[in-house]
């Protein structure tokens, strides 16, 4: 997991994202091919490549070691105002909060959620 052979490798994306899950059995990395990957921390085996948008800001659930929470993606093309949860074992995701009506009550043309992590200050 620490090899940087070639140009693409796994890494922790930033200090804003907890690398290990709630019980320390898995670690999430971001791969250079724009995919989040979950590995077994002890064996190093790949558990799952998450089917989430690269800008979805995935975060481990605070108590359930099998769950990752994320937006649909910080991308206007996605046009989604939901917050999702993905089970890293089964790959099943579910909506845990649909913020469409609440957000659009204040911002009628809102198309997606973003935390400004992907924006640069100018």
PDB file of N, CA and C in Angstrom:
ATOM      1  N   UNK A   1       0.814  -1.200   0.000  1.00  0.00           N
ATOM      2  CA  UNK A   1       0.000   0.000   0.000  1.00  0.00           C
ATOM      3  C   UNK A   1       0.857   1.263   0.000  1.00  0.00           C
ATOM      4  N   UNK A   2       2.113   1.156   0.353  1.00  0.00           N
ATOM      5  CA  UNK A   2       2.945   2.345   0.386  1.00  0.00           C
ATOM      6  C   UNK A   2       3.791   2.508  -0.867  1.00  0.00           C
ATOM      7  N   UNK A   3       3.720   1.561  -1.784  1.00  0.00           N
ATOM      8  CA  UNK A   3       4.506   1.651  -2.993  1.00  0.00           C
ATOM      9  C   UNK A   3       3.966   2.745  -3.900  1.00  0.00           C
ATOM     10  N   UNK A   4       4.864   3.560  -4.420  1.00  0.00           N
ATOM     11  CA  UNK A   4       4.471   4.609  -5.358  1.00  0.00           C
ATOM     12  C   UNK A   4       4.987   4.280  -6.752  1.00  0.00           C
ATOM     13  N   UNK A   5       5.149   2.990  -7.050  1.00  0.00           N
ATOM     14  CA  UNK A   5       5.570   2.589  -8.391  1.00  0.00           C
ATOM     15  C   UNK A   5       4.591   3.166  -9.407  1.00  0.00           C
ATOM     16  N   UNK A   6       5.122   3.705 -10.468  1.00  0.00           N
ATOM     17  CA  UNK A   6       4.250   4.315 -11.471  1.00  0.00           C
ATOM     18  C   UNK A   6       3.707   5.634 -10.953  1.00  0.00           C
ATOM     19  N   UNK A   7       2.669   6.109 -11.558  1.00  0.00           N
ATOM     20  CA  UNK A   7       2.128   7.424 -11.206  1.00  0.00           C
ATOM     21  C   UNK A   7       0.889   7.366 -10.316  1.00  0.00           C
ATOM     22  N   UNK A   8       0.306   6.202 -10.160  1.00  0.00           N
ATOM     23  CA  UNK A   8      -0.937   6.112  -9.403  1.00  0.00           C
ATOM     24  C   UNK A   8      -0.744   5.226  -8.187  1.00  0.00           C
ATOM     25  N   UNK A   9      -1.181   5.710  -7.029  1.00  0.00           N
ATOM     26  CA  UNK A   9      -1.016   4.936  -5.807  1.00  0.00           C
ATOM     27  C   UNK A   9      -2.095   5.316  -4.804  1.00  0.00           C
ATOM     28  N   UNK A  10      -2.265   4.489  -3.774  1.00  0.00           N
ATOM     29  CA  UNK A  10      -3.237   4.741  -2.721  1.00  0.00           C
ATOM     30  C   UNK A  10      -2.640   5.688  -1.688  1.00  0.00           C
ATOM     31  N   UNK A  11      -3.502   6.584  -1.181  1.00  0.00           N
ATOM     32  CA  UNK A  11      -3.053   7.513  -0.149  1.00  0.00           C
ATOM     33  C   UNK A  11      -4.253   7.979   0.667  1.00  0.00           C
ATOM     34  N   UNK A  12      -3.984   8.540   1.830  1.00  0.00           N
ATOM     35  CA  UNK A  12      -5.032   9.190   2.597  1.00  0.00           C
ATOM     36  C   UNK A  12      -5.221  10.564   1.960  1.00  0.00           C
ATOM     37  N   UNK A  13      -6.454  10.974   1.741  1.00  0.00           N
ATOM     38  CA  UNK A  13      -6.690  12.200   0.984  1.00  0.00           C
ATOM     39  C   UNK A  13      -6.370  13.471   1.747  1.00  0.00           C
ATOM     40  N   UNK A  14      -6.595  13.496   3.037  1.00  0.00           N
ATOM     41  CA  UNK A  14      -6.293  14.714   3.791  1.00  0.00           C
ATOM     42  C   UNK A  14      -6.537  14.484   5.273  1.00  0.00           C
ATOM     43  N   UNK A  15      -6.187  15.473   6.048  1.00  0.00           N
ATOM     44  CA  UNK A  15      -6.411  15.372   7.495  1.00  0.00           C
ATOM     45  C   UNK A  15      -7.892  15.477   7.842  1.00  0.00           C
ATOM     46  N   UNK A  16      -8.724  15.841   6.890  1.00  0.00           N
ATOM     47  CA  UNK A  16     -10.169  15.935   7.143  1.00  0.00           C
ATOM     48  C   UNK A  16     -10.861  14.579   7.090  1.00  0.00           C
ATOM     49  N   UNK A  17     -10.167  13.559   6.618  1.00  0.00           N
ATOM     50  CA  UNK A  17     -10.791  12.244   6.455  1.00  0.00           C
ATOM     51  C   UNK A  17     -10.086  11.222   7.341  1.00  0.00           C
ATOM     52  N   UNK A  18     -10.851  10.592   8.210  1.00  0.00           N
ATOM     53  CA  UNK A  18     -10.317   9.535   9.058  1.00  0.00           C
ATOM     54  C   UNK A  18      -9.952   8.343   8.175  1.00  0.00           C
ATOM     55  N   UNK A  19      -8.727   7.870   8.255  1.00  0.00           N
ATOM     56  CA  UNK A  19      -8.300   6.745   7.418  1.00  0.00           C
ATOM     57  C   UNK A  19      -8.912   5.434   7.891  1.00  0.00           C
ATOM     58  N   UNK A  20      -8.954   5.198   9.205  1.00  0.00           N
ATOM     59  CA  UNK A  20      -9.464   3.935   9.751  1.00  0.00           C
ATOM     60  C   UNK A  20     -10.938   4.044  10.123  1.00  0.00           C
ATOM     61  N   UNK A  21     -11.613   2.891  10.049  1.00  0.00           N
ATOM     62  CA  UNK A  21     -13.020   2.839  10.438  1.00  0.00           C
ATOM     63  C   UNK A  21     -13.150   2.848  11.964  1.00  0.00           C
ATOM     64  N   UNK A  22     -14.392   2.735  12.456  1.00  0.00           N
ATOM     65  CA  UNK A  22     -14.689   2.893  13.884  1.00  0.00           C
ATOM     66  C   UNK A  22     -13.950   1.908  14.788  1.00  0.00           C
ATOM     67  N   UNK A  23     -13.693   0.689  14.324  1.00  0.00           N
ATOM     68  CA  UNK A  23     -13.011  -0.283  15.184  1.00  0.00           C
ATOM     69  C   UNK A  23     -11.589  -0.591  14.714  1.00  0.00           C
ATOM     70  N   UNK A  24     -11.094   0.163  13.751  1.00  0.00           N
ATOM     71  CA  UNK A  24      -9.714   0.023  13.311  1.00  0.00           C
ATOM     72  C   UNK A  24      -9.406  -1.207  12.471  1.00  0.00           C
ATOM     73  N   UNK A  25     -10.436  -1.846  11.913  1.00  0.00           N
ATOM     74  CA  UNK A  25     -10.221  -3.063  11.125  1.00  0.00           C
ATOM     75  C   UNK A  25     -10.030  -2.799   9.639  1.00  0.00           C
ATOM     76  N   UNK A  26     -10.433  -1.609   9.190  1.00  0.00           N
ATOM     77  CA  UNK A  26     -10.318  -1.276   7.766  1.00  0.00           C
ATOM     78  C   UNK A  26      -9.750   0.119   7.608  1.00  0.00           C
ATOM     79  N   UNK A  27      -9.174   0.354   6.431  1.00  0.00           N
ATOM     80  CA  UNK A  27      -8.637   1.668   6.117  1.00  0.00           C
ATOM     81  C   UNK A  27      -9.129   2.071   4.727  1.00  0.00           C
ATOM     82  N   UNK A  28      -9.473   3.356   4.580  1.00  0.00           N
ATOM     83  CA  UNK A  28      -9.941   3.866   3.298  1.00  0.00           C
ATOM     84  C   UNK A  28      -8.840   4.733   2.687  1.00  0.00           C
ATOM     85  N   UNK A  29      -8.586   4.516   1.411  1.00  0.00           N
ATOM     86  CA  UNK A  29      -7.596   5.305   0.691  1.00  0.00           C
ATOM     87  C   UNK A  29      -8.238   5.901  -0.554  1.00  0.00           C
ATOM     88  N   UNK A  30      -7.533   6.855  -1.117  1.00  0.00           N
ATOM     89  CA  UNK A  30      -7.946   7.423  -2.395  1.00  0.00           C
ATOM     90  C   UNK A  30      -6.867   7.039  -3.394  1.00  0.00           C
ATOM     91  N   UNK A  31      -7.272   6.435  -4.480  1.00  0.00           N
ATOM     92  CA  UNK A  31      -6.328   5.967  -5.484  1.00  0.00           C
ATOM     93  C   UNK A  31      -6.233   7.003  -6.600  1.00  0.00           C
ATOM     94  N   UNK A  32      -5.092   7.069  -7.245  1.00  0.00           N
ATOM     95  CA  UNK A  32      -4.858   8.017  -8.319  1.00  0.00           C
ATOM     96  C   UNK A  32      -5.804   7.890  -9.496  1.00  0.00           C
ATOM     97  N   UNK A  33      -6.551   6.780  -9.579  1.00  0.00           N
ATOM     98  CA  UNK A  33      -7.523   6.630 -10.671  1.00  0.00           C
ATOM     99  C   UNK A  33      -8.893   7.191 -10.280  1.00  0.00           C
ATOM    100  N   UNK A  34      -8.920   8.038  -9.244  1.00  0.00           N
ATOM    101  CA  UNK A  34     -10.145   8.710  -8.774  1.00  0.00           C
ATOM    102  C   UNK A  34     -11.136   7.745  -8.136  1.00  0.00           C
ATOM    103  N   UNK A  35     -10.626   6.774  -7.379  1.00  0.00           N
ATOM    104  CA  UNK A  35     -11.495   5.816  -6.700  1.00  0.00           C
ATOM    105  C   UNK A  35     -11.094   5.685  -5.239  1.00  0.00           C
ATOM    106  N   UNK A  36     -12.105   5.595  -4.385  1.00  0.00           N
ATOM    107  CA  UNK A  36     -11.864   5.318  -2.973  1.00  0.00           C
ATOM    108  C   UNK A  36     -11.836   3.810  -2.795  1.00  0.00           C
ATOM    109  N   UNK A  37     -10.837   3.339  -2.065  1.00  0.00           N
ATOM    110  CA  UNK A  37     -10.671   1.899  -1.845  1.00  0.00           C
ATOM    111  C   UNK A  37     -10.645   1.613  -0.354  1.00  0.00           C
ATOM    112  N   UNK A  38     -11.255   0.496   0.011  1.00  0.00           N
ATOM    113  CA  UNK A  38     -11.265   0.061   1.406  1.00  0.00           C
ATOM    114  C   UNK A  38     -10.458  -1.230   1.497  1.00  0.00           C
ATOM    115  N   UNK A  39      -9.510  -1.260   2.441  1.00  0.00           N
ATOM    116  CA  UNK A  39      -8.643  -2.416   2.650  1.00  0.00           C
ATOM    117  C   UNK A  39      -8.813  -2.949   4.059  1.00  0.00           C
ATOM    118  N   UNK A  40      -8.606  -4.258   4.211  1.00  0.00           N
ATOM    119  CA  UNK A  40      -8.491  -4.853   5.534  1.00  0.00           C
ATOM    120  C   UNK A  40      -7.170  -4.354   6.116  1.00  0.00           C
ATOM    121  N   UNK A  41      -7.203  -3.785   7.295  1.00  0.00           N
ATOM    122  CA  UNK A  41      -6.007  -3.155   7.861  1.00  0.00           C
ATOM    123  C   UNK A  41      -4.911  -4.152   8.207  1.00  0.00           C
ATOM    124  N   UNK A  42      -5.295  -5.363   8.629  1.00  0.00           N
ATOM    125  CA  UNK A  42      -4.292  -6.353   9.027  1.00  0.00           C
ATOM    126  C   UNK A  42      -3.694  -7.078   7.819  1.00  0.00           C
ATOM    127  N   UNK A  43      -4.556  -7.609   6.953  1.00  0.00           N
ATOM    128  CA  UNK A  43      -4.063  -8.406   5.820  1.00  0.00           C
ATOM    129  C   UNK A  43      -3.640  -7.542   4.627  1.00  0.00           C
ATOM    130  N   UNK A  44      -4.197  -6.338   4.524  1.00  0.00           N
ATOM    131  CA  UNK A  44      -3.930  -5.489   3.365  1.00  0.00           C
ATOM    132  C   UNK A  44      -4.779  -5.852   2.161  1.00  0.00           C
ATOM    133  N   UNK A  45      -5.680  -6.823   2.314  1.00  0.00           N
ATOM    134  CA  UNK A  45      -6.549  -7.247   1.212  1.00  0.00           C
ATOM    135  C   UNK A  45      -7.569  -6.159   0.870  1.00  0.00           C
ATOM    136  N   UNK A  46      -7.836  -6.011  -0.412  1.00  0.00           N
ATOM    137  CA  UNK A  46      -8.854  -5.071  -0.866  1.00  0.00           C
ATOM    138  C   UNK A  46     -10.231  -5.605  -0.482  1.00  0.00           C
ATOM    139  N   UNK A  47     -11.010  -4.797   0.229  1.00  0.00           N
ATOM    140  CA  UNK A  47     -12.375  -5.161   0.606  1.00  0.00           C
ATOM    141  C   UNK A  47     -13.343  -4.716  -0.480  1.00  0.00           C
ATOM    142  N   UNK A  48     -13.193  -3.458  -0.935  1.00  0.00           N
ATOM    143  CA  UNK A  48     -14.104  -2.937  -1.952  1.00  0.00           C
ATOM    144  C   UNK A  48     -13.561  -1.640  -2.532  1.00  0.00           C
ATOM    145  N   UNK A  49     -13.807  -1.448  -3.814  1.00  0.00           N
ATOM    146  CA  UNK A  49     -13.636  -0.142  -4.441  1.00  0.00           C
ATOM    147  C   UNK A  49     -15.011   0.505  -4.361  1.00  0.00           C
ATOM    148  N   UNK A  50     -15.109   1.624  -3.656  1.00  0.00           N
ATOM    149  CA  UNK A  50     -16.412   2.252  -3.440  1.00  0.00           C
ATOM    150  C   UNK A  50     -16.949   2.870  -4.718  1.00  0.00           C
ATOM    151  N   UNK A  51     -18.230   2.667  -4.949  1.00  0.00           N
ATOM    152  CA  UNK A  51     -18.907   3.235  -6.114  1.00  0.00           C
ATOM    153  C   UNK A  51     -19.459   4.599  -5.728  1.00  0.00           C
ATOM    154  N   UNK A  52     -18.535   5.546  -5.495  1.00  0.00           N
ATOM    155  CA  UNK A  52     -18.917   6.904  -5.137  1.00  0.00           C
ATOM    156  C   UNK A  52     -18.162   7.884  -6.028  1.00  0.00           C
ATOM    157  N   UNK A  53     -18.725   9.061  -6.205  1.00  0.00           N
ATOM    158  CA  UNK A  53     -18.104  10.107  -7.005  1.00  0.00           C
ATOM    159  C   UNK A  53     -16.790  10.525  -6.342  1.00  0.00           C
ATOM    160  N   UNK A  54     -15.759  10.860  -7.104  1.00  0.00           N
ATOM    161  CA  UNK A  54     -14.481  11.270  -6.513  1.00  0.00           C
ATOM    162  C   UNK A  54     -14.587  12.456  -5.547  1.00  0.00           C
ATOM    163  N   UNK A  55     -15.560  13.338  -5.750  1.00  0.00           N
ATOM    164  CA  UNK A  55     -15.737  14.496  -4.876  1.00  0.00           C
ATOM    165  C   UNK A  55     -16.840  14.299  -3.842  1.00  0.00           C
ATOM    166  N   UNK A  56     -17.159  13.067  -3.510  1.00  0.00           N
ATOM    167  CA  UNK A  56     -18.292  12.801  -2.621  1.00  0.00           C
ATOM    168  C   UNK A  56     -17.970  12.945  -1.139  1.00  0.00           C
ATOM    169  N   UNK A  57     -16.725  13.241  -0.788  1.00  0.00           N
ATOM    170  CA  UNK A  57     -16.314  13.447   0.601  1.00  0.00           C
ATOM    171  C   UNK A  57     -16.743  12.304   1.527  1.00  0.00           C
ATOM    172  N   UNK A  58     -16.359  11.072   1.231  1.00  0.00           N
ATOM    173  CA  UNK A  58     -16.748   9.963   2.100  1.00  0.00           C
ATOM    174  C   UNK A  58     -16.090  10.048   3.476  1.00  0.00           C
ATOM    175  N   UNK A  59     -16.863   9.700   4.487  1.00  0.00           N
ATOM    176  CA  UNK A  59     -16.390   9.674   5.873  1.00  0.00           C
ATOM    177  C   UNK A  59     -16.888   8.389   6.528  1.00  0.00           C
ATOM    178  N   UNK A  60     -16.044   7.780   7.341  1.00  0.00           N
ATOM    179  CA  UNK A  60     -16.475   6.594   8.077  1.00  0.00           C
ATOM    180  C   UNK A  60     -17.599   6.958   9.048  1.00  0.00           C
ATOM    181  N   UNK A  61     -18.541   6.046   9.212  1.00  0.00           N
ATOM    182  CA  UNK A  61     -19.579   6.188  10.232  1.00  0.00           C
ATOM    183  C   UNK A  61     -18.877   6.216  11.588  1.00  0.00           C
ATOM    184  N   UNK A  62     -19.338   7.029  12.531  1.00  0.00           N
ATOM    185  CA  UNK A  62     -18.623   7.148  13.805  1.00  0.00           C
ATOM    186  C   UNK A  62     -18.634   5.893  14.677  1.00  0.00           C
ATOM    187  N   UNK A  63     -19.626   5.004  14.503  1.00  0.00           N
ATOM    188  CA  UNK A  63     -19.688   3.810  15.355  1.00  0.00           C
ATOM    189  C   UNK A  63     -19.814   2.500  14.592  1.00  0.00           C
ATOM    190  N   UNK A  64     -20.348   2.512  13.384  1.00  0.00           N
ATOM    191  CA  UNK A  64     -20.527   1.273  12.619  1.00  0.00           C
ATOM    192  C   UNK A  64     -19.347   1.103  11.665  1.00  0.00           C
ATOM    193  N   UNK A  65     -18.485   0.103  11.890  1.00  0.00           N
ATOM    194  CA  UNK A  65     -17.279  -0.054  11.078  1.00  0.00           C
ATOM    195  C   UNK A  65     -17.510  -0.480   9.631  1.00  0.00           C
ATOM    196  N   UNK A  66     -18.747  -0.816   9.274  1.00  0.00           N
ATOM    197  CA  UNK A  66     -19.047  -1.249   7.915  1.00  0.00           C
ATOM    198  C   UNK A  66     -19.592  -0.132   7.025  1.00  0.00           C
ATOM    199  N   UNK A  67     -19.821   1.042   7.583  1.00  0.00           N
ATOM    200  CA  UNK A  67     -20.507   2.095   6.837  1.00  0.00           C
ATOM    201  C   UNK A  67     -19.645   3.311   6.556  1.00  0.00           C
ATOM    202  N   UNK A  68     -19.826   3.850   5.339  1.00  0.00           N
ATOM    203  CA  UNK A  68     -19.199   5.095   4.919  1.00  0.00           C
ATOM    204  C   UNK A  68     -20.331   6.026   4.493  1.00  0.00           C
ATOM    205  N   UNK A  69     -20.286   7.270   4.963  1.00  0.00           N
ATOM    206  CA  UNK A  69     -21.291   8.271   4.596  1.00  0.00           C
ATOM    207  C   UNK A  69     -20.693   9.241   3.588  1.00  0.00           C
ATOM    208  N   UNK A  70     -21.529   9.719   2.645  1.00  0.00           N
ATOM    209  CA  UNK A  70     -21.006  10.574   1.575  1.00  0.00           C
ATOM    210  C   UNK A  70     -22.127  11.276   0.838  1.00  0.00           C
ATOM    211  N   UNK A  71     -21.767  12.342   0.123  1.00  0.00           N
ATOM    212  CA  UNK A  71     -22.718  12.991  -0.766  1.00  0.00           C
ATOM    213  C   UNK A  71     -22.722  12.196  -2.078  1.00  0.00           C
ATOM    214  N   UNK A  72     -23.619  12.571  -2.965  1.00  0.00           N
ATOM    215  CA  UNK A  72     -23.613  11.920  -4.274  1.00  0.00           C
ATOM    216  C   UNK A  72     -22.434  12.384  -5.102  1.00  0.00           C
ATOM    217  N   UNK A  73     -21.924  13.535  -4.774  1.00  0.00           N
ATOM    218  CA  UNK A  73     -20.765  14.061  -5.477  1.00  0.00           C
ATOM    219  C   UNK A  73     -20.871  15.551  -5.652  1.00  0.00           C
ATOM    220  N   UNK A  74     -19.767  16.233  -5.497  1.00  0.00           N
ATOM    221  CA  UNK A  74     -19.737  17.687  -5.661  1.00  0.00           C
ATOM    222  C   UNK A  74     -19.556  18.003  -7.134  1.00  0.00           C
ATOM    223  N   UNK A  75     -20.613  17.785  -7.877  1.00  0.00           N
ATOM    224  CA  UNK A  75     -20.520  17.921  -9.314  1.00  0.00           C
ATOM    225  C   UNK A  75     -21.883  18.339  -9.839  1.00  0.00           C
ATOM    226  N   UNK A  76     -21.964  19.454 -10.503  1.00  0.00           N
ATOM    227  CA  UNK A  76     -23.244  19.960 -10.991  1.00  0.00           C
ATOM    228  C   UNK A  76     -23.943  18.975 -11.917  1.00  0.00           C
ATOM    229  N   UNK A  77     -23.172  18.110 -12.573  1.00  0.00           N
ATOM    230  CA  UNK A  77     -23.780  17.138 -13.480  1.00  0.00           C
ATOM    231  C   UNK A  77     -24.552  16.068 -12.714  1.00  0.00           C
ATOM    232  N   UNK A  78     -24.206  15.856 -11.449  1.00  0.00           N
ATOM    233  CA  UNK A  78     -24.874  14.825 -10.648  1.00  0.00           C
ATOM    234  C   UNK A  78     -26.285  15.265 -10.276  1.00  0.00           C
ATOM    235  N   UNK A  79     -26.444  16.535  -9.969  1.00  0.00           N
ATOM    236  CA  UNK A  79     -27.743  17.117  -9.611  1.00  0.00           C
ATOM    237  C   UNK A  79     -28.451  16.315  -8.535  1.00  0.00           C
ATOM    238  N   UNK A  80     -27.830  16.240  -7.367  1.00  0.00           N
ATOM    239  CA  UNK A  80     -28.400  15.449  -6.292  1.00  0.00           C
ATOM    240  C   UNK A  80     -28.139  16.136  -4.964  1.00  0.00           C
ATOM    241  N   UNK A  81     -29.149  16.211  -4.133  1.00  0.00           N
ATOM    242  CA  UNK A  81     -29.044  16.853  -2.826  1.00  0.00           C
ATOM    243  C   UNK A  81     -29.315  15.842  -1.705  1.00  0.00           C
ATOM    244  N   UNK A  82     -28.806  14.649  -1.900  1.00  0.00           N
ATOM    245  CA  UNK A  82     -28.989  13.604  -0.879  1.00  0.00           C
ATOM    246  C   UNK A  82     -27.658  13.285  -0.198  1.00  0.00           C
ATOM    247  N   UNK A  83     -27.765  12.804   1.034  1.00  0.00           N
ATOM    248  CA  UNK A  83     -26.608  12.300   1.771  1.00  0.00           C
ATOM    249  C   UNK A  83     -26.800  10.793   1.873  1.00  0.00           C
ATOM    250  N   UNK A  84     -25.779  10.031   1.501  1.00  0.00           N
ATOM    251  CA  UNK A  84     -25.900   8.586   1.380  1.00  0.00           C
ATOM    252  C   UNK A  84     -24.995   7.853   2.369  1.00  0.00           C
ATOM    253  N   UNK A  85     -25.271   6.564   2.514  1.00  0.00           N
ATOM    254  CA  UNK A  85     -24.463   5.691   3.353  1.00  0.00           C
ATOM    255  C   UNK A  85     -24.228   4.403   2.564  1.00  0.00           C
ATOM    256  N   UNK A  86     -22.972   3.966   2.464  1.00  0.00           N
ATOM    257  CA  UNK A  86     -22.633   2.754   1.729  1.00  0.00           C
ATOM    258  C   UNK A  86     -22.039   1.728   2.670  1.00  0.00           C
ATOM    259  N   UNK A  87     -22.522   0.491   2.573  1.00  0.00           N
ATOM    260  CA  UNK A  87     -21.962  -0.613   3.333  1.00  0.00           C
ATOM    261  C   UNK A  87     -20.761  -1.137   2.555  1.00  0.00           C
ATOM    262  N   UNK A  88     -19.568  -1.087   3.157  1.00  0.00           N
ATOM    263  CA  UNK A  88     -18.348  -1.465   2.441  1.00  0.00           C
ATOM    264  C   UNK A  88     -18.228  -2.970   2.249  1.00  0.00           C
ATOM    265  N   UNK A  89     -19.000  -3.749   2.986  1.00  0.00           N
ATOM    266  CA  UNK A  89     -18.970  -5.209   2.829  1.00  0.00           C
ATOM    267  C   UNK A  89     -19.876  -5.638   1.683  1.00  0.00           C
ATOM    268  N   UNK A  90     -21.110  -5.107   1.668  1.00  0.00           N
ATOM    269  CA  UNK A  90     -22.095  -5.535   0.672  1.00  0.00           C
ATOM    270  C   UNK A  90     -22.125  -4.633  -0.566  1.00  0.00           C
ATOM    271  N   UNK A  91     -21.671  -3.395  -0.429  1.00  0.00           N
ATOM    272  CA  UNK A  91     -21.749  -2.439  -1.533  1.00  0.00           C
ATOM    273  C   UNK A  91     -23.091  -1.755  -1.651  1.00  0.00           C
ATOM    274  N   UNK A  92     -24.035  -2.101  -0.783  1.00  0.00           N
ATOM    275  CA  UNK A  92     -25.372  -1.514  -0.826  1.00  0.00           C
ATOM    276  C   UNK A  92     -25.318  -0.102  -0.250  1.00  0.00           C
ATOM    277  N   UNK A  93     -25.957   0.830  -0.975  1.00  0.00           N
ATOM    278  CA  UNK A  93     -26.045   2.176  -0.411  1.00  0.00           C
ATOM    279  C   UNK A  93     -27.499   2.545  -0.226  1.00  0.00           C
ATOM    280  N   UNK A  94     -27.703   3.481   0.691  1.00  0.00           N
ATOM    281  CA  UNK A  94     -29.054   3.954   0.973  1.00  0.00           C
ATOM    282  C   UNK A  94     -29.002   5.431   1.296  1.00  0.00           C
ATOM    283  N   UNK A  95     -30.114   6.108   1.051  1.00  0.00           N
ATOM    284  CA  UNK A  95     -30.222   7.523   1.368  1.00  0.00           C
ATOM    285  C   UNK A  95     -30.500   7.670   2.851  1.00  0.00           C
ATOM    286  N   UNK A  96     -29.697   8.471   3.535  1.00  0.00           N
ATOM    287  CA  UNK A  96     -29.956   8.712   4.955  1.00  0.00           C
ATOM    288  C   UNK A  96     -30.528  10.109   5.184  1.00  0.00           C
ATOM    289  N   UNK A  97     -30.392  10.990   4.197  1.00  0.00           N
ATOM    290  CA  UNK A  97     -31.000  12.316   4.290  1.00  0.00           C
ATOM    291  C   UNK A  97     -31.208  12.876   2.890  1.00  0.00           C
ATOM    292  N   UNK A  98     -32.460  13.178   2.577  1.00  0.00           N
ATOM    293  CA  UNK A  98     -32.752  13.852   1.309  1.00  0.00           C
ATOM    294  C   UNK A  98     -33.000  15.319   1.652  1.00  0.00           C
ATOM    295  N   UNK A  99     -32.037  16.145   1.288  1.00  0.00           N
ATOM    296  CA  UNK A  99     -32.073  17.558   1.653  1.00  0.00           C
ATOM    297  C   UNK A  99     -32.635  18.453   0.548  1.00  0.00           C
ATOM    298  N   UNK A 100     -33.179  17.853  -0.480  1.00  0.00           N
ATOM    299  CA  UNK A 100     -33.639  18.611  -1.642  1.00  0.00           C
ATOM    300  C   UNK A 100     -34.594  19.738  -1.266  1.00  0.00           C
ATOM    301  N   UNK A 101     -35.692  19.430  -0.585  1.00  0.00           N
ATOM    302  CA  UNK A 101     -36.690  20.471  -0.288  1.00  0.00           C
ATOM    303  C   UNK A 101     -36.140  21.506   0.691  1.00  0.00           C
ATOM    304  N   UNK A 102     -35.362  21.085   1.672  1.00  0.00           N
ATOM    305  CA  UNK A 102     -34.826  22.041   2.658  1.00  0.00           C
ATOM    306  C   UNK A 102     -33.816  22.991   2.022  1.00  0.00           C
ATOM    307  N   UNK A 103     -32.925  22.459   1.195  1.00  0.00           N
ATOM    308  CA  UNK A 103     -31.918  23.310   0.564  1.00  0.00           C
ATOM    309  C   UNK A 103     -32.568  24.235  -0.449  1.00  0.00           C
ATOM    310  N   UNK A 104     -33.473  23.700  -1.256  1.00  0.00           N
ATOM    311  CA  UNK A 104     -34.098  24.515  -2.301  1.00  0.00           C
ATOM    312  C   UNK A 104     -35.084  25.544  -1.745  1.00  0.00           C
ATOM    313  N   UNK A 105     -35.491  25.389  -0.505  1.00  0.00           N
ATOM    314  CA  UNK A 105     -36.324  26.415   0.120  1.00  0.00           C
ATOM    315  C   UNK A 105     -35.532  27.718   0.253  1.00  0.00           C
ATOM    316  N   UNK A 106     -34.229  27.604   0.451  1.00  0.00           N
ATOM    317  CA  UNK A 106     -33.370  28.777   0.571  1.00  0.00           C
ATOM    318  C   UNK A 106     -32.653  29.094  -0.739  1.00  0.00           C
ATOM    319  N   UNK A 107     -32.230  28.036  -1.441  1.00  0.00           N
ATOM    320  CA  UNK A 107     -31.488  28.177  -2.704  1.00  0.00           C
ATOM    321  C   UNK A 107     -32.242  27.418  -3.802  1.00  0.00           C
ATOM    322  N   UNK A 108     -33.241  28.039  -4.420  1.00  0.00           N
ATOM    323  CA  UNK A 108     -34.130  27.343  -5.358  1.00  0.00           C
ATOM    324  C   UNK A 108     -33.439  26.657  -6.533  1.00  0.00           C
ATOM    325  N   UNK A 109     -32.293  27.136  -6.950  1.00  0.00           N
ATOM    326  CA  UNK A 109     -31.622  26.531  -8.106  1.00  0.00           C
ATOM    327  C   UNK A 109     -30.499  25.572  -7.711  1.00  0.00           C
ATOM    328  N   UNK A 110     -30.388  25.260  -6.428  1.00  0.00           N
ATOM    329  CA  UNK A 110     -29.322  24.361  -5.968  1.00  0.00           C
ATOM    330  C   UNK A 110     -29.408  23.022  -6.688  1.00  0.00           C
ATOM    331  N   UNK A 111     -28.241  22.516  -7.111  1.00  0.00           N
ATOM    332  CA  UNK A 111     -28.205  21.262  -7.863  1.00  0.00           C
ATOM    333  C   UNK A 111     -27.382  20.177  -7.185  1.00  0.00           C
ATOM    334  N   UNK A 112     -26.490  20.544  -6.271  1.00  0.00           N
ATOM    335  CA  UNK A 112     -25.642  19.538  -5.629  1.00  0.00           C
ATOM    336  C   UNK A 112     -25.089  20.071  -4.318  1.00  0.00           C
ATOM    337  N   UNK A 113     -24.574  19.170  -3.492  1.00  0.00           N
ATOM    338  CA  UNK A 113     -23.964  19.518  -2.217  1.00  0.00           C
ATOM    339  C   UNK A 113     -22.448  19.551  -2.370  1.00  0.00           C
ATOM    340  N   UNK A 114     -21.813  20.511  -1.712  1.00  0.00           N
ATOM    341  CA  UNK A 114     -20.351  20.587  -1.708  1.00  0.00           C
ATOM    342  C   UNK A 114     -19.902  21.202  -0.397  1.00  0.00           C
ATOM    343  N   UNK A 115     -18.727  20.812   0.052  1.00  0.00           N
ATOM    344  CA  UNK A 115     -18.200  21.371   1.298  1.00  0.00           C
ATOM    345  C   UNK A 115     -17.048  22.327   1.057  1.00  0.00           C
ATOM    346  N   UNK A 116     -16.861  22.755  -0.160  1.00  0.00           N
ATOM    347  CA  UNK A 116     -15.823  23.661  -0.597  1.00  0.00           C
ATOM    348  C   UNK A 116     -14.430  23.036  -0.560  1.00  0.00           C
ATOM    349  N   UNK A 117     -14.329  21.755  -0.289  1.00  0.00           N
ATOM    350  CA  UNK A 117     -13.027  21.101  -0.262  1.00  0.00           C
ATOM    351  C   UNK A 117     -12.383  21.096  -1.630  1.00  0.00           C
ATOM    352  N   UNK A 118     -13.208  21.075  -2.674  1.00  0.00           N
ATOM    353  CA  UNK A 118     -12.669  21.012  -4.022  1.00  0.00           C
ATOM    354  C   UNK A 118     -12.551  22.389  -4.681  1.00  0.00           C
ATOM    355  N   UNK A 119     -12.815  23.456  -3.930  1.00  0.00           N
ATOM    356  CA  UNK A 119     -12.724  24.798  -4.477  1.00  0.00           C
ATOM    357  C   UNK A 119     -11.476  25.495  -3.947  1.00  0.00           C
ATOM    358  N   UNK A 120     -10.864  26.275  -4.769  1.00  0.00           N
ATOM    359  CA  UNK A 120      -9.695  27.037  -4.345  1.00  0.00           C
ATOM    360  C   UNK A 120     -10.111  28.471  -4.101  1.00  0.00           C
ATOM    361  N   UNK A 121      -9.584  29.043  -3.034  1.00  0.00           N
ATOM    362  CA  UNK A 121      -9.862  30.445  -2.761  1.00  0.00           C
ATOM    363  C   UNK A 121      -9.060  31.299  -3.728  1.00  0.00           C
ATOM    364  N   UNK A 122      -9.676  32.326  -4.234  1.00  0.00           N
ATOM    365  CA  UNK A 122      -9.005  33.208  -5.202  1.00  0.00           C
ATOM    366  C   UNK A 122      -8.893  34.593  -4.647  1.00  0.00           C
TER     367      UNK A 122
END
